[in-house]
Amino acid sequence: MNAPLATFDCRQAFAETLSALARENDRIVAVCNDSVGSSNLVAFQKELPNRLVNVGIAEQDLIGVAAGLANGGFIPFVCAAAPFLTGRAAEQIKADVAYSRYHIVLCGMSPGMAYGELGPTHHSIEDLSWMRAMSGLSVLVPADPEQTIAAVKWAAAADKPIYMRIGRTKVPSVSAGQADPFVYGKANVVRGGGDVTVIATGILVSRAIEASERLAAEGIGVRVVNMSTISPLDEAAVIAAAKETGAIVTAEEAMTEGGLGAAVASVVVRHHPVPMRILGVTGFAPTGSAEFLLDHFHLNAGGIIAAVRELRG
């Protein structure tokens, strides 16, 4: 029996990288909404107390303060629980960040259904749909610690508005050893295959790899694409998958309306229509552990395998 894979909390990789960048660049500041602990900013606050602004539970003010800092030449990393950052402050993100084109990095902590038992008020399943709809706002979903580190470093130098999911659910490494684990706007093909393509993002990437390995034992070649940039989407990778494998499954810890699946389907229907299945959350997610909720919506290797078999008839 194979030993279980080691898993990691991407928030730790994020926090350590942010602190290291801030030591090198005194323009980098952290801004949070009474979330120093949950955003893993305790060490940052201890080391750089004058570079962390805590506005309290006031997400609209959170964005306004960050916009003011950006206007003054700072690079704010705005850290808050993803459901509250994107839900309560959507108008401010639209007007003060995206429209104003400020270099602000919005860090949605514990996205998807990571808060589990806290229920629907704390599930961030609409954020990809909301943020992808905003013109000029880049949307990133790193899949593991290596991608998180690389994405944070890129974001610090990018000079553009960015929304980035920082996952709480522990994940195995899917990009260890890659020379460039994150390249903005480019997908990573992490497993080859010619029968079906699974395009996954975030914590679903490792589950897609597991599904691909299990299906390989049946002689089914599944290409796995790690789509860590949702906006702008790597359309070339999607078109290649459609042409070369003839069927696509998408998998995301988010609503099926408007997120990764919708973005991929838009490309497919315009350039090379093929059968698709979009796996994600439908309706309000109930209350339960994060693992229970992922299984409830078939966001696991078994659910991906079932979608692949359905596409293959």
C-alpha atoms as a PDB file:
ATOM      1  CA  MET A   1       0.000   0.000   0.000  1.00  0.00           C
ATOM      2  CA  ASN A   2       1.314   3.432  -0.951  1.00  0.00           C
ATOM      3  CA  ALA A   3       1.967   5.873   1.891  1.00  0.00           C
ATOM      4  CA  PRO A   4      -0.439   8.839   1.950  1.00  0.00           C
ATOM      5  CA  LEU A   5       0.867  11.980   0.288  1.00  0.00           C
ATOM      6  CA  ALA A   6       2.086  14.802   2.514  1.00  0.00           C
ATOM      7  CA  THR A   7      -0.297  17.751   2.462  1.00  0.00           C
ATOM      8  CA  PHE A   8       0.249  21.447   3.112  1.00  0.00           C
ATOM      9  CA  ASP A   9      -1.630  24.586   4.152  1.00  0.00           C
ATOM     10  CA  CYS A  10      -1.066  27.180   1.434  1.00  0.00           C
ATOM     11  CA  ARG A  11      -1.740  30.015   3.898  1.00  0.00           C
ATOM     12  CA  GLN A  12       1.602  29.292   5.573  1.00  0.00           C
ATOM     13  CA  ALA A  13       3.458  29.464   2.247  1.00  0.00           C
ATOM     14  CA  PHE A  14       1.647  32.714   1.494  1.00  0.00           C
ATOM     15  CA  ALA A  15       2.485  34.315   4.846  1.00  0.00           C
ATOM     16  CA  GLU A  16       6.157  33.339   4.779  1.00  0.00           C
ATOM     17  CA  THR A  17       6.542  34.633   1.230  1.00  0.00           C
ATOM     18  CA  LEU A  18       4.771  37.908   2.004  1.00  0.00           C
ATOM     19  CA  SER A  19       7.042  38.525   4.995  1.00  0.00           C
ATOM     20  CA  ALA A  20      10.145  37.806   2.927  1.00  0.00           C
ATOM     21  CA  LEU A  21       9.015  40.180   0.178  1.00  0.00           C
ATOM     22  CA  ALA A  22       8.177  42.898   2.701  1.00  0.00           C
ATOM     23  CA  ARG A  23      11.682  42.695   4.170  1.00  0.00           C
ATOM     24  CA  GLU A  24      13.079  43.444   0.722  1.00  0.00           C
ATOM     25  CA  ASN A  25      10.528  46.083  -0.329  1.00  0.00           C
ATOM     26  CA  ASP A  26       9.287  48.664   2.162  1.00  0.00           C
ATOM     27  CA  ARG A  27       6.379  49.558  -0.147  1.00  0.00           C
ATOM     28  CA  ILE A  28       4.671  46.245   0.626  1.00  0.00           C
ATOM     29  CA  VAL A  29       2.038  46.455   3.364  1.00  0.00           C
ATOM     30  CA  ALA A  30      -0.598  44.071   4.689  1.00  0.00           C
ATOM     31  CA  VAL A  31      -4.162  45.225   5.277  1.00  0.00           C
ATOM     32  CA  CYS A  32      -6.677  43.026   7.080  1.00  0.00           C
ATOM     33  CA  ASN A  33     -10.133  43.018   8.653  1.00  0.00           C
ATOM     34  CA  ASP A  34      -9.550  41.703  12.173  1.00  0.00           C
ATOM     35  CA  SER A  35      -8.104  38.576  10.573  1.00  0.00           C
ATOM     36  CA  VAL A  36      -4.475  38.623  11.688  1.00  0.00           C
ATOM     37  CA  GLY A  37      -4.698  35.062  12.981  1.00  0.00           C
ATOM     38  CA  SER A  38      -6.827  33.484  10.256  1.00  0.00           C
ATOM     39  CA  SER A  39      -4.716  35.166   7.557  1.00  0.00           C
ATOM     40  CA  ASN A  40      -1.521  33.810   9.182  1.00  0.00           C
ATOM     41  CA  LEU A  41      -0.197  37.356   9.648  1.00  0.00           C
ATOM     42  CA  VAL A  42       0.877  36.991  13.297  1.00  0.00           C
ATOM     43  CA  ALA A  43       4.576  36.738  12.411  1.00  0.00           C
ATOM     44  CA  PHE A  44       4.267  39.592   9.904  1.00  0.00           C
ATOM     45  CA  GLN A  45       2.662  41.821  12.542  1.00  0.00           C
ATOM     46  CA  LYS A  46       5.308  40.947  15.121  1.00  0.00           C
ATOM     47  CA  GLU A  47       8.208  41.646  12.755  1.00  0.00           C
ATOM     48  CA  LEU A  48       6.725  44.614  10.854  1.00  0.00           C
ATOM     49  CA  PRO A  49       4.056  46.143  13.118  1.00  0.00           C
ATOM     50  CA  ASN A  50       4.085  49.474  11.276  1.00  0.00           C
ATOM     51  CA  ARG A  51       3.422  47.755   7.959  1.00  0.00           C
ATOM     52  CA  LEU A  52       0.165  46.065   8.931  1.00  0.00           C
ATOM     53  CA  VAL A  53      -3.144  47.947   8.986  1.00  0.00           C
ATOM     54  CA  ASN A  54      -6.072  46.279  10.752  1.00  0.00           C
ATOM     55  CA  VAL A  55      -9.318  48.105   9.952  1.00  0.00           C
ATOM     56  CA  GLY A  56     -11.495  45.747  11.982  1.00  0.00           C
ATOM     57  CA  ILE A  57     -14.627  44.058  10.663  1.00  0.00           C
ATOM     58  CA  ALA A  58     -15.253  46.659   7.957  1.00  0.00           C
ATOM     59  CA  GLU A  59     -14.593  45.182   4.537  1.00  0.00           C
ATOM     60  CA  GLN A  60     -15.717  48.214   2.514  1.00  0.00           C
ATOM     61  CA  ASP A  61     -13.329  50.389   4.517  1.00  0.00           C
ATOM     62  CA  LEU A  62     -10.704  47.695   4.028  1.00  0.00           C
ATOM     63  CA  ILE A  63     -10.737  48.273   0.270  1.00  0.00           C
ATOM     64  CA  GLY A  64     -10.902  52.058   0.619  1.00  0.00           C
ATOM     65  CA  VAL A  65      -7.852  52.085   2.894  1.00  0.00           C
ATOM     66  CA  ALA A  66      -5.977  49.804   0.483  1.00  0.00           C
ATOM     67  CA  ALA A  67      -6.851  52.090  -2.440  1.00  0.00           C
ATOM     68  CA  GLY A  68      -5.529  55.082  -0.508  1.00  0.00           C
ATOM     69  CA  LEU A  69      -2.304  53.242   0.266  1.00  0.00           C
ATOM     70  CA  ALA A  70      -1.917  52.224  -3.372  1.00  0.00           C
ATOM     71  CA  ASN A  71      -2.523  55.812  -4.451  1.00  0.00           C
ATOM     72  CA  GLY A  72       0.284  56.804  -2.081  1.00  0.00           C
ATOM     73  CA  GLY A  73       2.758  54.420  -3.666  1.00  0.00           C
ATOM     74  CA  PHE A  74       2.399  51.367  -1.435  1.00  0.00           C
ATOM     75  CA  ILE A  75       1.630  47.812  -2.578  1.00  0.00           C
ATOM     76  CA  PRO A  76      -1.214  46.573  -0.361  1.00  0.00           C
ATOM     77  CA  PHE A  77      -1.834  42.858   0.145  1.00  0.00           C
ATOM     78  CA  VAL A  78      -5.443  42.837   1.372  1.00  0.00           C
ATOM     79  CA  CYS A  79      -6.081  39.735   3.475  1.00  0.00           C
ATOM     80  CA  ALA A  80      -9.593  38.692   4.495  1.00  0.00           C
ATOM     81  CA  ALA A  81     -11.873  35.678   4.503  1.00  0.00           C
ATOM     82  CA  ALA A  82     -12.863  35.200   0.874  1.00  0.00           C
ATOM     83  CA  PRO A  83     -16.668  35.280   1.377  1.00  0.00           C
ATOM     84  CA  PHE A  84     -16.554  38.631   3.164  1.00  0.00           C
ATOM     85  CA  LEU A  85     -13.858  40.224   1.038  1.00  0.00           C
ATOM     86  CA  THR A  86     -15.688  39.521  -2.216  1.00  0.00           C
ATOM     87  CA  GLY A  87     -19.274  39.714  -0.970  1.00  0.00           C
ATOM     88  CA  ARG A  88     -19.321  42.730   1.307  1.00  0.00           C
ATOM     89  CA  ALA A  89     -16.884  44.820  -0.700  1.00  0.00           C
ATOM     90  CA  ALA A  90     -17.800  43.952  -4.304  1.00  0.00           C
ATOM     91  CA  GLU A  91     -18.680  47.545  -5.203  1.00  0.00           C
ATOM     92  CA  GLN A  92     -15.442  48.886  -3.715  1.00  0.00           C
ATOM     93  CA  ILE A  93     -13.409  46.202  -5.502  1.00  0.00           C
ATOM     94  CA  LYS A  94     -15.086  47.183  -8.767  1.00  0.00           C
ATOM     95  CA  ALA A  95     -14.660  50.946  -8.397  1.00  0.00           C
ATOM     96  CA  ASP A  96     -11.606  51.414  -6.160  1.00  0.00           C
ATOM     97  CA  VAL A  97      -9.479  48.516  -7.395  1.00  0.00           C
ATOM     98  CA  ALA A  98     -10.436  47.257 -10.880  1.00  0.00           C
ATOM     99  CA  TYR A  99     -11.710  50.501 -12.428  1.00  0.00           C
ATOM    100  CA  SER A 100      -8.952  52.541 -10.790  1.00  0.00           C
ATOM    101  CA  ARG A 101      -6.334  50.011 -11.957  1.00  0.00           C
ATOM    102  CA  TYR A 102      -4.470  50.140  -8.665  1.00  0.00           C
ATOM    103  CA  HIS A 103      -1.759  47.643  -7.854  1.00  0.00           C
ATOM    104  CA  ILE A 104      -3.651  45.938  -5.049  1.00  0.00           C
ATOM    105  CA  VAL A 105      -3.449  42.217  -4.316  1.00  0.00           C
ATOM    106  CA  LEU A 106      -6.745  40.966  -2.900  1.00  0.00           C
ATOM    107  CA  CYS A 107      -6.061  37.752  -0.975  1.00  0.00           C
ATOM    108  CA  GLY A 108      -9.213  35.704  -0.433  1.00  0.00           C
ATOM    109  CA  MET A 109      -8.342  33.501   2.539  1.00  0.00           C
ATOM    110  CA  SER A 110      -9.987  30.101   3.136  1.00  0.00           C
ATOM    111  CA  PRO A 111     -12.044  30.132  -0.094  1.00  0.00           C
ATOM    112  CA  GLY A 112     -14.537  27.639  -1.392  1.00  0.00           C
ATOM    113  CA  MET A 113     -16.085  25.523   1.350  1.00  0.00           C
ATOM    114  CA  ALA A 114     -13.043  25.489   3.633  1.00  0.00           C
ATOM    115  CA  TYR A 115     -14.996  26.915   6.571  1.00  0.00           C
ATOM    116  CA  GLY A 116     -17.213  23.822   6.454  1.00  0.00           C
ATOM    117  CA  GLU A 117     -19.304  23.722   9.610  1.00  0.00           C
ATOM    118  CA  LEU A 118     -19.754  27.515   9.697  1.00  0.00           C
ATOM    119  CA  GLY A 119     -22.227  27.049   6.890  1.00  0.00           C
ATOM    120  CA  PRO A 120     -23.482  28.912   3.816  1.00  0.00           C
ATOM    121  CA  THR A 121     -22.684  32.391   5.171  1.00  0.00           C
ATOM    122  CA  HIS A 122     -18.999  31.431   5.238  1.00  0.00           C
ATOM    123  CA  HIS A 123     -18.787  29.468   1.988  1.00  0.00           C
ATOM    124  CA  SER A 124     -17.012  31.436  -0.726  1.00  0.00           C
ATOM    125  CA  ILE A 125     -18.379  29.699  -3.786  1.00  0.00           C
ATOM    126  CA  GLU A 126     -19.454  32.724  -5.825  1.00  0.00           C
ATOM    127  CA  ASP A 127     -16.123  34.592  -5.747  1.00  0.00           C
ATOM    128  CA  LEU A 128     -14.727  33.260  -9.023  1.00  0.00           C
ATOM    129  CA  SER A 129     -17.919  34.269 -10.833  1.00  0.00           C
ATOM    130  CA  TRP A 130     -18.008  37.732  -9.255  1.00  0.00           C
ATOM    131  CA  MET A 131     -14.327  38.537  -9.631  1.00  0.00           C
ATOM    132  CA  ARG A 132     -14.027  37.130 -13.161  1.00  0.00           C
ATOM    133  CA  ALA A 133     -16.814  39.483 -14.251  1.00  0.00           C
ATOM    134  CA  MET A 134     -14.792  42.578 -13.308  1.00  0.00           C
ATOM    135  CA  SER A 135     -12.839  44.036 -16.194  1.00  0.00           C
ATOM    136  CA  GLY A 136      -9.113  44.275 -15.660  1.00  0.00           C
ATOM    137  CA  LEU A 137      -9.033  42.198 -12.467  1.00  0.00           C
ATOM    138  CA  SER A 138      -6.716  39.195 -12.705  1.00  0.00           C
ATOM    139  CA  VAL A 139      -8.030  36.095 -10.915  1.00  0.00           C
ATOM    140  CA  LEU A 140      -5.541  33.510  -9.629  1.00  0.00           C
ATOM    141  CA  VAL A 141      -6.067  30.156  -7.900  1.00  0.00           C
ATOM    142  CA  PRO A 142      -2.764  28.498  -6.924  1.00  0.00           C
ATOM    143  CA  ALA A 143      -3.026  24.744  -6.472  1.00  0.00           C
ATOM    144  CA  ASP A 144      -0.247  24.071  -3.966  1.00  0.00           C
ATOM    145  CA  PRO A 145       2.462  25.785  -1.876  1.00  0.00           C
ATOM    146  CA  GLU A 146       4.943  26.054  -4.755  1.00  0.00           C
ATOM    147  CA  GLN A 147       2.389  27.795  -6.948  1.00  0.00           C
ATOM    148  CA  THR A 148       1.317  29.996  -4.052  1.00  0.00           C
ATOM    149  CA  ILE A 149       4.880  31.181  -3.450  1.00  0.00           C
ATOM    150  CA  ALA A 150       5.463  31.860  -7.141  1.00  0.00           C
ATOM    151  CA  ALA A 151       2.105  33.607  -7.578  1.00  0.00           C
ATOM    152  CA  VAL A 152       2.670  35.880  -4.564  1.00  0.00           C
ATOM    153  CA  LYS A 153       6.101  36.863  -5.885  1.00  0.00           C
ATOM    154  CA  TRP A 154       4.614  37.595  -9.305  1.00  0.00           C
ATOM    155  CA  ALA A 155       1.743  39.576  -7.785  1.00  0.00           C
ATOM    156  CA  ALA A 156       4.116  41.799  -5.789  1.00  0.00           C
ATOM    157  CA  ALA A 157       5.726  42.999  -9.016  1.00  0.00           C
ATOM    158  CA  ALA A 158       2.757  42.858 -11.382  1.00  0.00           C
ATOM    159  CA  ASP A 159       1.514  46.464 -11.106  1.00  0.00           C
ATOM    160  CA  LYS A 160      -2.131  45.536 -11.707  1.00  0.00           C
ATOM    161  CA  PRO A 161      -5.289  44.654  -9.743  1.00  0.00           C
ATOM    162  CA  ILE A 162      -5.300  41.019  -8.638  1.00  0.00           C
ATOM    163  CA  TYR A 163      -7.628  38.661  -6.787  1.00  0.00           C
ATOM    164  CA  MET A 164      -5.941  35.525  -5.484  1.00  0.00           C
ATOM    165  CA  ARG A 165      -7.450  32.602  -3.587  1.00  0.00           C
ATOM    166  CA  ILE A 166      -5.276  31.401  -0.695  1.00  0.00           C
ATOM    167  CA  GLY A 167      -6.485  27.930   0.200  1.00  0.00           C
ATOM    168  CA  ARG A 168      -7.014  26.614   3.715  1.00  0.00           C
ATOM    169  CA  THR A 169      -7.806  23.001   2.815  1.00  0.00           C
ATOM    170  CA  LYS A 170      -4.542  21.076   2.897  1.00  0.00           C
ATOM    171  CA  VAL A 171      -3.290  19.835  -0.461  1.00  0.00           C
ATOM    172  CA  PRO A 172      -0.399  17.733  -1.758  1.00  0.00           C
ATOM    173  CA  SER A 173       2.208  19.284  -3.994  1.00  0.00           C
ATOM    174  CA  VAL A 174       1.314  19.056  -7.687  1.00  0.00           C
ATOM    175  CA  SER A 175       4.116  21.239  -9.063  1.00  0.00           C
ATOM    176  CA  ALA A 176       7.189  20.301  -7.034  1.00  0.00           C
ATOM    177  CA  GLY A 177      10.245  20.204  -9.243  1.00  0.00           C
ATOM    178  CA  GLN A 178       8.788  22.403 -11.977  1.00  0.00           C
ATOM    179  CA  ALA A 179      11.116  25.191 -13.053  1.00  0.00           C
ATOM    180  CA  ASP A 180       8.202  27.632 -13.312  1.00  0.00           C
ATOM    181  CA  PRO A 181       5.333  26.426 -11.129  1.00  0.00           C
ATOM    182  CA  PHE A 182       3.296  29.562 -11.888  1.00  0.00           C
ATOM    183  CA  VAL A 183       3.322  31.562 -15.109  1.00  0.00           C
ATOM    184  CA  TYR A 184       0.665  34.257 -15.303  1.00  0.00           C
ATOM    185  CA  GLY A 185      -2.030  33.453 -17.841  1.00  0.00           C
ATOM    186  CA  LYS A 186      -0.599  30.026 -18.671  1.00  0.00           C
ATOM    187  CA  ALA A 187      -1.972  26.617 -17.787  1.00  0.00           C
ATOM    188  CA  ASN A 188       0.233  23.746 -16.635  1.00  0.00           C
ATOM    189  CA  VAL A 189      -0.340  20.338 -18.229  1.00  0.00           C
ATOM    190  CA  VAL A 190       0.517  18.149 -15.248  1.00  0.00           C
ATOM    191  CA  ARG A 191      -0.432  14.833 -16.818  1.00  0.00           C
ATOM    192  CA  GLY A 192      -0.650  13.824 -20.463  1.00  0.00           C
ATOM    193  CA  GLY A 193      -3.480  11.927 -22.119  1.00  0.00           C
ATOM    194  CA  GLY A 194      -5.350  11.778 -25.403  1.00  0.00           C
ATOM    195  CA  ASP A 195      -8.851  10.564 -24.559  1.00  0.00           C
ATOM    196  CA  VAL A 196     -10.349  13.281 -22.321  1.00  0.00           C
ATOM    197  CA  THR A 197      -9.040  16.460 -20.695  1.00  0.00           C
ATOM    198  CA  VAL A 198      -9.767  17.470 -17.108  1.00  0.00           C
ATOM    199  CA  ILE A 199      -9.194  21.182 -16.515  1.00  0.00           C
ATOM    200  CA  ALA A 200      -9.048  21.780 -12.778  1.00  0.00           C
ATOM    201  CA  THR A 201      -8.111  24.604 -10.455  1.00  0.00           C
ATOM    202  CA  GLY A 202      -7.035  24.946  -6.834  1.00  0.00           C
ATOM    203  CA  ILE A 203      -7.597  21.955  -4.584  1.00  0.00           C
ATOM    204  CA  LEU A 204      -9.285  20.028  -7.414  1.00  0.00           C
ATOM    205  CA  VAL A 205      -6.008  19.634  -9.313  1.00  0.00           C
ATOM    206  CA  SER A 206      -4.646  16.912  -7.025  1.00  0.00           C
ATOM    207  CA  ARG A 207      -8.010  15.126  -7.179  1.00  0.00           C
ATOM    208  CA  ALA A 208      -7.936  15.286 -10.977  1.00  0.00           C
ATOM    209  CA  ILE A 209      -4.461  13.749 -10.962  1.00  0.00           C
ATOM    210  CA  GLU A 210      -5.722  10.899  -8.768  1.00  0.00           C
ATOM    211  CA  ALA A 211      -8.643  10.334 -11.149  1.00  0.00           C
ATOM    212  CA  SER A 212      -6.260  10.302 -14.122  1.00  0.00           C
ATOM    213  CA  GLU A 213      -4.029   7.717 -12.454  1.00  0.00           C
ATOM    214  CA  ARG A 214      -6.970   5.451 -11.653  1.00  0.00           C
ATOM    215  CA  LEU A 215      -8.368   5.732 -15.179  1.00  0.00           C
ATOM    216  CA  ALA A 216      -4.942   5.011 -16.688  1.00  0.00           C
ATOM    217  CA  ALA A 217      -5.193   1.553 -15.130  1.00  0.00           C
ATOM    218  CA  GLU A 218      -8.292   1.048 -17.305  1.00  0.00           C
ATOM    219  CA  GLY A 219      -6.503   2.207 -20.424  1.00  0.00           C
ATOM    220  CA  ILE A 220      -8.120   5.658 -20.499  1.00  0.00           C
ATOM    221  CA  GLY A 221      -5.677   8.504 -21.107  1.00  0.00           C
ATOM    222  CA  VAL A 222      -6.750  11.629 -19.216  1.00  0.00           C
ATOM    223  CA  ARG A 223      -4.908  14.898 -19.730  1.00  0.00           C
ATOM    224  CA  VAL A 224      -4.886  16.999 -16.539  1.00  0.00           C
ATOM    225  CA  VAL A 225      -4.555  20.756 -16.898  1.00  0.00           C
ATOM    226  CA  ASN A 226      -3.879  22.937 -13.881  1.00  0.00           C
ATOM    227  CA  MET A 227      -5.602  26.252 -14.694  1.00  0.00           C
ATOM    228  CA  SER A 228      -4.172  28.516 -12.011  1.00  0.00           C
ATOM    229  CA  THR A 229      -5.088  31.722 -13.833  1.00  0.00           C
ATOM    230  CA  ILE A 230      -8.853  31.978 -14.278  1.00  0.00           C
ATOM    231  CA  SER A 231      -8.736  35.469 -15.749  1.00  0.00           C
ATOM    232  CA  PRO A 232      -7.173  35.945 -18.226  1.00  0.00           C
ATOM    233  CA  LEU A 233      -7.766  32.336 -19.258  1.00  0.00           C
ATOM    234  CA  ASP A 234      -5.217  30.372 -21.273  1.00  0.00           C
ATOM    235  CA  GLU A 235      -7.445  29.968 -24.329  1.00  0.00           C
ATOM    236  CA  ALA A 236      -4.726  28.229 -26.340  1.00  0.00           C
ATOM    237  CA  ALA A 237      -4.535  25.406 -23.789  1.00  0.00           C
ATOM    238  CA  VAL A 238      -8.331  25.010 -23.840  1.00  0.00           C
ATOM    239  CA  ILE A 239      -8.499  24.928 -27.644  1.00  0.00           C
ATOM    240  CA  ALA A 240      -5.657  22.414 -27.800  1.00  0.00           C
ATOM    241  CA  ALA A 241      -7.458  20.191 -25.295  1.00  0.00           C
ATOM    242  CA  ALA A 242     -10.680  20.350 -27.303  1.00  0.00           C
ATOM    243  CA  LYS A 243      -8.972  19.533 -30.590  1.00  0.00           C
ATOM    244  CA  GLU A 244      -6.619  16.862 -29.279  1.00  0.00           C
ATOM    245  CA  THR A 245      -8.809  14.974 -26.795  1.00  0.00           C
ATOM    246  CA  GLY A 246     -12.345  15.706 -28.011  1.00  0.00           C
ATOM    247  CA  ALA A 247     -13.976  16.085 -24.581  1.00  0.00           C
ATOM    248  CA  ILE A 248     -13.432  18.255 -21.511  1.00  0.00           C
ATOM    249  CA  VAL A 249     -14.347  18.028 -17.829  1.00  0.00           C
ATOM    250  CA  THR A 250     -13.837  21.088 -15.621  1.00  0.00           C
ATOM    251  CA  ALA A 251     -13.559  20.889 -11.836  1.00  0.00           C
ATOM    252  CA  GLU A 252     -13.632  23.769  -9.337  1.00  0.00           C
ATOM    253  CA  GLU A 253     -14.567  24.412  -5.715  1.00  0.00           C
ATOM    254  CA  ALA A 254     -16.979  27.111  -6.808  1.00  0.00           C
ATOM    255  CA  MET A 255     -20.361  27.673  -8.415  1.00  0.00           C
ATOM    256  CA  THR A 256     -20.795  26.098 -11.828  1.00  0.00           C
ATOM    257  CA  GLU A 257     -22.293  29.379 -13.076  1.00  0.00           C
ATOM    258  CA  GLY A 258     -19.709  31.932 -14.090  1.00  0.00           C
ATOM    259  CA  GLY A 259     -16.466  30.382 -12.871  1.00  0.00           C
ATOM    260  CA  LEU A 260     -13.812  28.186 -14.475  1.00  0.00           C
ATOM    261  CA  GLY A 261     -16.307  25.900 -16.217  1.00  0.00           C
ATOM    262  CA  ALA A 262     -18.188  28.820 -17.732  1.00  0.00           C
ATOM    263  CA  ALA A 263     -14.939  30.421 -18.887  1.00  0.00           C
ATOM    264  CA  VAL A 264     -13.772  27.202 -20.542  1.00  0.00           C
ATOM    265  CA  ALA A 265     -17.180  26.576 -22.136  1.00  0.00           C
ATOM    266  CA  SER A 266     -17.153  30.063 -23.634  1.00  0.00           C
ATOM    267  CA  VAL A 267     -13.857  29.328 -25.361  1.00  0.00           C
ATOM    268  CA  VAL A 268     -14.936  25.862 -26.491  1.00  0.00           C
ATOM    269  CA  VAL A 269     -18.231  26.976 -28.012  1.00  0.00           C
ATOM    270  CA  ARG A 270     -16.525  29.768 -29.954  1.00  0.00           C
ATOM    271  CA  HIS A 271     -13.524  27.852 -31.257  1.00  0.00           C
ATOM    272  CA  HIS A 272     -13.988  24.074 -31.224  1.00  0.00           C
ATOM    273  CA  PRO A 273     -17.228  22.687 -29.715  1.00  0.00           C
ATOM    274  CA  VAL A 274     -16.823  19.354 -27.926  1.00  0.00           C
ATOM    275  CA  PRO A 275     -18.829  17.538 -25.217  1.00  0.00           C
ATOM    276  CA  MET A 276     -18.231  18.961 -21.728  1.00  0.00           C
ATOM    277  CA  ARG A 277     -19.117  18.325 -18.111  1.00  0.00           C
ATOM    278  CA  ILE A 278     -18.786  21.130 -15.550  1.00  0.00           C
ATOM    279  CA  LEU A 279     -18.179  19.955 -11.981  1.00  0.00           C
ATOM    280  CA  GLY A 280     -18.663  22.413  -9.146  1.00  0.00           C
ATOM    281  CA  VAL A 281     -21.149  23.612  -6.565  1.00  0.00           C
ATOM    282  CA  THR A 282     -24.823  23.913  -7.429  1.00  0.00           C
ATOM    283  CA  GLY A 283     -27.113  25.952  -5.190  1.00  0.00           C
ATOM    284  CA  PHE A 284     -26.265  26.867  -1.610  1.00  0.00           C
ATOM    285  CA  ALA A 285     -23.833  24.437  -0.048  1.00  0.00           C
ATOM    286  CA  PRO A 286     -25.131  22.863   3.187  1.00  0.00           C
ATOM    287  CA  THR A 287     -23.329  22.752   6.522  1.00  0.00           C
ATOM    288  CA  GLY A 288     -20.711  20.109   7.195  1.00  0.00           C
ATOM    289  CA  SER A 289     -16.988  19.480   7.135  1.00  0.00           C
ATOM    290  CA  ALA A 290     -15.072  20.648   4.091  1.00  0.00           C
ATOM    291  CA  GLU A 291     -14.394  17.044   3.089  1.00  0.00           C
ATOM    292  CA  PHE A 292     -18.066  16.133   3.460  1.00  0.00           C
ATOM    293  CA  LEU A 293     -19.082  19.070   1.271  1.00  0.00           C
ATOM    294  CA  LEU A 294     -16.581  18.239  -1.444  1.00  0.00           C
ATOM    295  CA  ASP A 295     -17.878  14.660  -1.512  1.00  0.00           C
ATOM    296  CA  HIS A 296     -21.482  15.928  -1.447  1.00  0.00           C
ATOM    297  CA  PHE A 297     -20.897  17.768  -4.728  1.00  0.00           C
ATOM    298  CA  HIS A 298     -18.785  14.914  -6.187  1.00  0.00           C
ATOM    299  CA  LEU A 299     -15.699  17.143  -6.179  1.00  0.00           C
ATOM    300  CA  ASN A 300     -13.371  14.214  -5.702  1.00  0.00           C
ATOM    301  CA  ALA A 301     -11.570  11.643  -7.810  1.00  0.00           C
ATOM    302  CA  GLY A 302     -14.685   9.485  -7.989  1.00  0.00           C
ATOM    303  CA  GLY A 303     -16.811  12.346  -9.272  1.00  0.00           C
ATOM    304  CA  ILE A 304     -14.247  13.224 -11.919  1.00  0.00           C
ATOM    305  CA  ILE A 305     -13.996   9.583 -12.986  1.00  0.00           C
ATOM    306  CA  ALA A 306     -17.777   9.390 -13.336  1.00  0.00           C
ATOM    307  CA  ALA A 307     -17.825  12.520 -15.517  1.00  0.00           C
ATOM    308  CA  VAL A 308     -15.067  11.135 -17.746  1.00  0.00           C
ATOM    309  CA  ARG A 309     -16.898   7.824 -18.169  1.00  0.00           C
ATOM    310  CA  GLU A 310     -20.134   9.647 -18.981  1.00  0.00           C
ATOM    311  CA  LEU A 311     -18.407  11.640 -21.719  1.00  0.00           C
ATOM    312  CA  ARG A 312     -16.957   8.439 -23.153  1.00  0.00           C
ATOM    313  CA  GLY A 313     -20.420   6.872 -23.305  1.00  0.00           C
END
